[in-house]
């Protein structure tokens, strides 16, 4: 399961594309994905929030994930 990362999310993981490990299992919902990311990369917990897009559409926590989905992590942005 490939995850695309942007902004500070890319900095936290250290790459713009991350392959989600299959063990113990792939996440089946957006919420599970978020929990796993925070467990694997504790700095995600420091973000006030981050959005997840599945197949170019913003996704709610209860949205189901499939192995072939395009997943993107979109952190909060600030501008000036």
N, C-alpha and C. Protein backbone atom coordinates (compact mmCIF):
# COMPACT_ATOMS: atom_id res chain seq x y z
N UNK A 1 0.85 -1.17 0.00
CA UNK A 1 0.00 0.00 0.00
C UNK A 1 0.90 1.23 0.00
N UNK A 2 0.81 2.04 -1.06
CA UNK A 2 1.65 3.23 -1.18
C UNK A 2 0.93 4.45 -0.65
N UNK A 3 1.68 5.27 0.08
CA UNK A 3 1.15 6.48 0.66
C UNK A 3 2.02 7.64 0.17
N UNK A 4 1.37 8.67 -0.40
CA UNK A 4 2.07 9.87 -0.84
C UNK A 4 2.05 10.87 0.31
N UNK A 5 3.17 11.56 0.51
CA UNK A 5 3.28 12.49 1.64
C UNK A 5 3.66 13.89 1.15
N UNK A 6 3.10 14.88 1.81
CA UNK A 6 3.34 16.27 1.44
C UNK A 6 3.71 17.09 2.67
N UNK A 7 4.41 18.20 2.44
CA UNK A 7 4.73 19.15 3.50
C UNK A 7 5.46 18.52 4.66
N UNK A 8 5.03 18.84 5.87
CA UNK A 8 5.68 18.36 7.09
C UNK A 8 5.57 16.84 7.21
N UNK A 9 4.52 16.24 6.64
CA UNK A 9 4.39 14.78 6.67
C UNK A 9 5.56 14.13 5.94
N UNK A 10 5.95 14.73 4.84
CA UNK A 10 7.12 14.24 4.09
C UNK A 10 8.38 14.38 4.93
N UNK A 11 8.50 15.49 5.65
CA UNK A 11 9.67 15.71 6.51
C UNK A 11 9.72 14.70 7.66
N UNK A 12 8.57 14.39 8.24
CA UNK A 12 8.51 13.45 9.37
C UNK A 12 9.00 12.07 8.95
N UNK A 13 8.54 11.60 7.81
CA UNK A 13 8.91 10.25 7.36
C UNK A 13 10.24 10.24 6.62
N UNK A 14 10.56 11.35 5.97
CA UNK A 14 11.84 11.44 5.27
C UNK A 14 11.78 11.03 3.81
N UNK A 15 10.58 10.91 3.27
CA UNK A 15 10.41 10.55 1.86
C UNK A 15 9.04 11.02 1.40
N UNK A 16 8.86 11.14 0.09
CA UNK A 16 7.57 11.59 -0.43
C UNK A 16 6.63 10.42 -0.75
N UNK A 17 7.17 9.21 -0.80
CA UNK A 17 6.35 8.02 -1.02
C UNK A 17 6.75 6.97 0.01
N UNK A 18 5.77 6.45 0.72
CA UNK A 18 6.01 5.48 1.78
C UNK A 18 5.22 4.22 1.48
N UNK A 19 5.86 3.09 1.59
CA UNK A 19 5.19 1.80 1.40
C UNK A 19 4.75 1.30 2.78
N UNK A 20 3.44 1.23 2.98
CA UNK A 20 2.89 0.78 4.26
C UNK A 20 3.21 -0.71 4.43
N UNK A 21 3.84 -1.08 5.54
CA UNK A 21 4.15 -2.51 5.75
C UNK A 21 2.87 -3.34 5.89
N UNK A 22 2.94 -4.56 5.43
CA UNK A 22 1.77 -5.44 5.46
C UNK A 22 1.62 -6.17 6.78
N UNK A 23 2.61 -6.09 7.64
CA UNK A 23 2.56 -6.81 8.91
C UNK A 23 2.34 -5.85 10.06
N UNK A 24 1.48 -6.08 11.02
CA UNK A 24 0.71 -7.32 11.10
C UNK A 24 -0.41 -7.39 10.06
N UNK A 25 -0.91 -6.21 9.57
CA UNK A 25 -1.90 -6.22 8.48
C UNK A 25 -1.98 -4.80 7.92
N UNK A 26 -2.45 -4.71 6.70
CA UNK A 26 -2.68 -3.39 6.12
C UNK A 26 -3.86 -2.74 6.83
N UNK A 27 -3.84 -1.41 6.95
CA UNK A 27 -5.02 -0.74 7.54
C UNK A 27 -6.22 -0.90 6.61
N UNK A 28 -7.39 -1.05 7.20
CA UNK A 28 -8.60 -1.23 6.40
C UNK A 28 -9.47 0.02 6.36
N UNK A 29 -9.15 1.01 7.22
CA UNK A 29 -9.88 2.28 7.21
C UNK A 29 -8.88 3.42 7.34
N UNK A 30 -9.35 4.60 7.03
CA UNK A 30 -8.50 5.80 7.18
C UNK A 30 -8.09 5.96 8.64
N UNK A 31 -9.01 5.71 9.56
CA UNK A 31 -8.68 5.85 10.99
C UNK A 31 -7.54 4.91 11.38
N UNK A 32 -7.61 3.64 10.93
CA UNK A 32 -6.52 2.69 11.22
C UNK A 32 -5.20 3.19 10.63
N UNK A 33 -5.25 3.74 9.43
CA UNK A 33 -4.04 4.27 8.80
C UNK A 33 -3.43 5.37 9.67
N UNK A 34 -4.26 6.29 10.15
CA UNK A 34 -3.76 7.38 11.00
C UNK A 34 -3.12 6.84 12.28
N UNK A 35 -3.77 5.86 12.90
CA UNK A 35 -3.24 5.28 14.13
C UNK A 35 -1.89 4.63 13.88
N UNK A 36 -1.79 3.88 12.80
CA UNK A 36 -0.53 3.21 12.47
C UNK A 36 0.58 4.23 12.18
N UNK A 37 0.25 5.30 11.46
CA UNK A 37 1.26 6.32 11.17
C UNK A 37 1.79 6.95 12.45
N UNK A 38 0.90 7.23 13.40
CA UNK A 38 1.34 7.82 14.68
C UNK A 38 2.18 6.82 15.46
N UNK A 39 1.81 5.53 15.41
CA UNK A 39 2.61 4.52 16.11
C UNK A 39 4.00 4.39 15.50
N UNK A 40 4.06 4.39 14.17
CA UNK A 40 5.35 4.22 13.49
C UNK A 40 6.20 5.48 13.52
N UNK A 41 5.54 6.63 13.46
CA UNK A 41 6.23 7.92 13.41
C UNK A 41 5.58 8.85 14.44
N UNK A 42 6.03 8.79 15.69
CA UNK A 42 5.39 9.55 16.78
C UNK A 42 5.26 11.05 16.52
N UNK A 43 6.10 11.61 15.66
CA UNK A 43 5.98 13.05 15.38
C UNK A 43 4.66 13.41 14.72
N UNK A 44 3.97 12.44 14.12
CA UNK A 44 2.64 12.73 13.57
C UNK A 44 1.69 13.18 14.67
N UNK A 45 1.89 12.71 15.88
CA UNK A 45 1.02 13.09 17.00
C UNK A 45 1.16 14.58 17.33
N UNK A 46 2.26 15.19 16.93
CA UNK A 46 2.47 16.61 17.18
C UNK A 46 1.66 17.50 16.25
N UNK A 47 1.19 16.94 15.14
CA UNK A 47 0.37 17.73 14.21
C UNK A 47 -1.01 17.93 14.81
N UNK A 48 -1.55 19.13 14.66
CA UNK A 48 -2.89 19.38 15.18
C UNK A 48 -3.92 18.52 14.46
N UNK A 49 -3.65 18.24 13.21
CA UNK A 49 -4.50 17.35 12.41
C UNK A 49 -3.79 17.11 11.09
N UNK A 50 -4.23 16.10 10.38
CA UNK A 50 -3.79 15.92 9.01
C UNK A 50 -4.89 15.22 8.24
N UNK A 51 -5.05 15.62 7.00
CA UNK A 51 -6.10 15.06 6.16
C UNK A 51 -5.55 13.87 5.38
N UNK A 52 -6.46 13.01 5.01
CA UNK A 52 -6.12 11.87 4.17
C UNK A 52 -7.01 11.94 2.94
N UNK A 53 -6.39 11.82 1.79
CA UNK A 53 -7.14 11.73 0.53
C UNK A 53 -6.99 10.31 -0.01
N UNK A 54 -8.07 9.76 -0.48
CA UNK A 54 -8.07 8.44 -1.09
C UNK A 54 -8.58 8.61 -2.52
N UNK A 55 -7.73 8.24 -3.46
CA UNK A 55 -8.07 8.39 -4.88
C UNK A 55 -8.48 9.82 -5.21
N UNK A 56 -7.67 10.78 -4.73
CA UNK A 56 -7.82 12.22 -5.00
C UNK A 56 -9.05 12.86 -4.38
N UNK A 57 -9.67 12.19 -3.41
CA UNK A 57 -10.83 12.74 -2.71
C UNK A 57 -10.55 12.71 -1.21
N UNK A 58 -10.83 13.83 -0.53
CA UNK A 58 -10.67 13.82 0.93
C UNK A 58 -11.54 12.72 1.52
N UNK A 59 -10.99 12.02 2.51
CA UNK A 59 -11.68 10.86 3.07
C UNK A 59 -11.93 11.05 4.56
N UNK A 60 -13.07 10.54 5.02
CA UNK A 60 -13.41 10.52 6.44
C UNK A 60 -12.76 9.31 7.09
N UNK A 61 -12.67 9.35 8.42
CA UNK A 61 -12.00 8.28 9.16
C UNK A 61 -12.61 6.90 8.92
N UNK A 62 -13.89 6.83 8.65
CA UNK A 62 -14.53 5.53 8.49
C UNK A 62 -14.46 4.98 7.06
N UNK A 63 -13.82 5.71 6.15
CA UNK A 63 -13.73 5.24 4.77
C UNK A 63 -12.83 4.00 4.68
N UNK A 64 -13.31 3.01 3.94
CA UNK A 64 -12.55 1.77 3.76
C UNK A 64 -11.40 1.98 2.78
N UNK A 65 -10.30 1.29 3.03
CA UNK A 65 -9.13 1.35 2.16
C UNK A 65 -8.95 0.02 1.43
N UNK A 66 -8.52 0.12 0.20
CA UNK A 66 -8.19 -1.04 -0.62
C UNK A 66 -6.71 -0.97 -0.96
N UNK A 67 -6.08 -2.09 -1.23
CA UNK A 67 -4.64 -2.12 -1.51
C UNK A 67 -4.24 -1.27 -2.70
N UNK A 68 -5.11 -1.12 -3.69
CA UNK A 68 -4.74 -0.37 -4.88
C UNK A 68 -5.15 1.10 -4.84
N UNK A 69 -5.65 1.58 -3.70
CA UNK A 69 -6.02 3.00 -3.56
C UNK A 69 -4.78 3.88 -3.59
N UNK A 70 -4.94 5.08 -4.14
CA UNK A 70 -3.89 6.10 -4.04
C UNK A 70 -4.19 6.91 -2.78
N UNK A 71 -3.30 6.84 -1.82
CA UNK A 71 -3.50 7.49 -0.52
C UNK A 71 -2.51 8.63 -0.39
N UNK A 72 -3.02 9.78 0.04
CA UNK A 72 -2.15 10.94 0.25
C UNK A 72 -2.39 11.50 1.64
N UNK A 73 -1.29 11.85 2.30
CA UNK A 73 -1.34 12.48 3.62
C UNK A 73 -1.11 13.97 3.41
N UNK A 74 -2.07 14.78 3.84
CA UNK A 74 -2.02 16.21 3.61
C UNK A 74 -2.04 16.91 4.97
N UNK A 75 -0.90 17.45 5.38
CA UNK A 75 -0.82 18.11 6.70
C UNK A 75 -1.48 19.49 6.62
N UNK A 76 -1.71 20.09 7.79
CA UNK A 76 -2.23 21.45 7.79
C UNK A 76 -1.23 22.39 7.13
N UNK A 77 -1.73 23.40 6.47
CA UNK A 77 -0.84 24.36 5.81
C UNK A 77 -1.03 25.73 6.44
N UNK A 78 0.02 26.51 6.39
CA UNK A 78 -0.09 27.90 6.85
C UNK A 78 0.45 28.77 5.75
N UNK A 79 -0.03 29.94 5.72
CA UNK A 79 0.42 30.85 4.67
C UNK A 79 0.51 32.27 5.19
N UNK A 80 1.02 33.07 4.37
CA UNK A 80 1.15 34.46 4.79
C UNK A 80 1.09 35.39 3.64
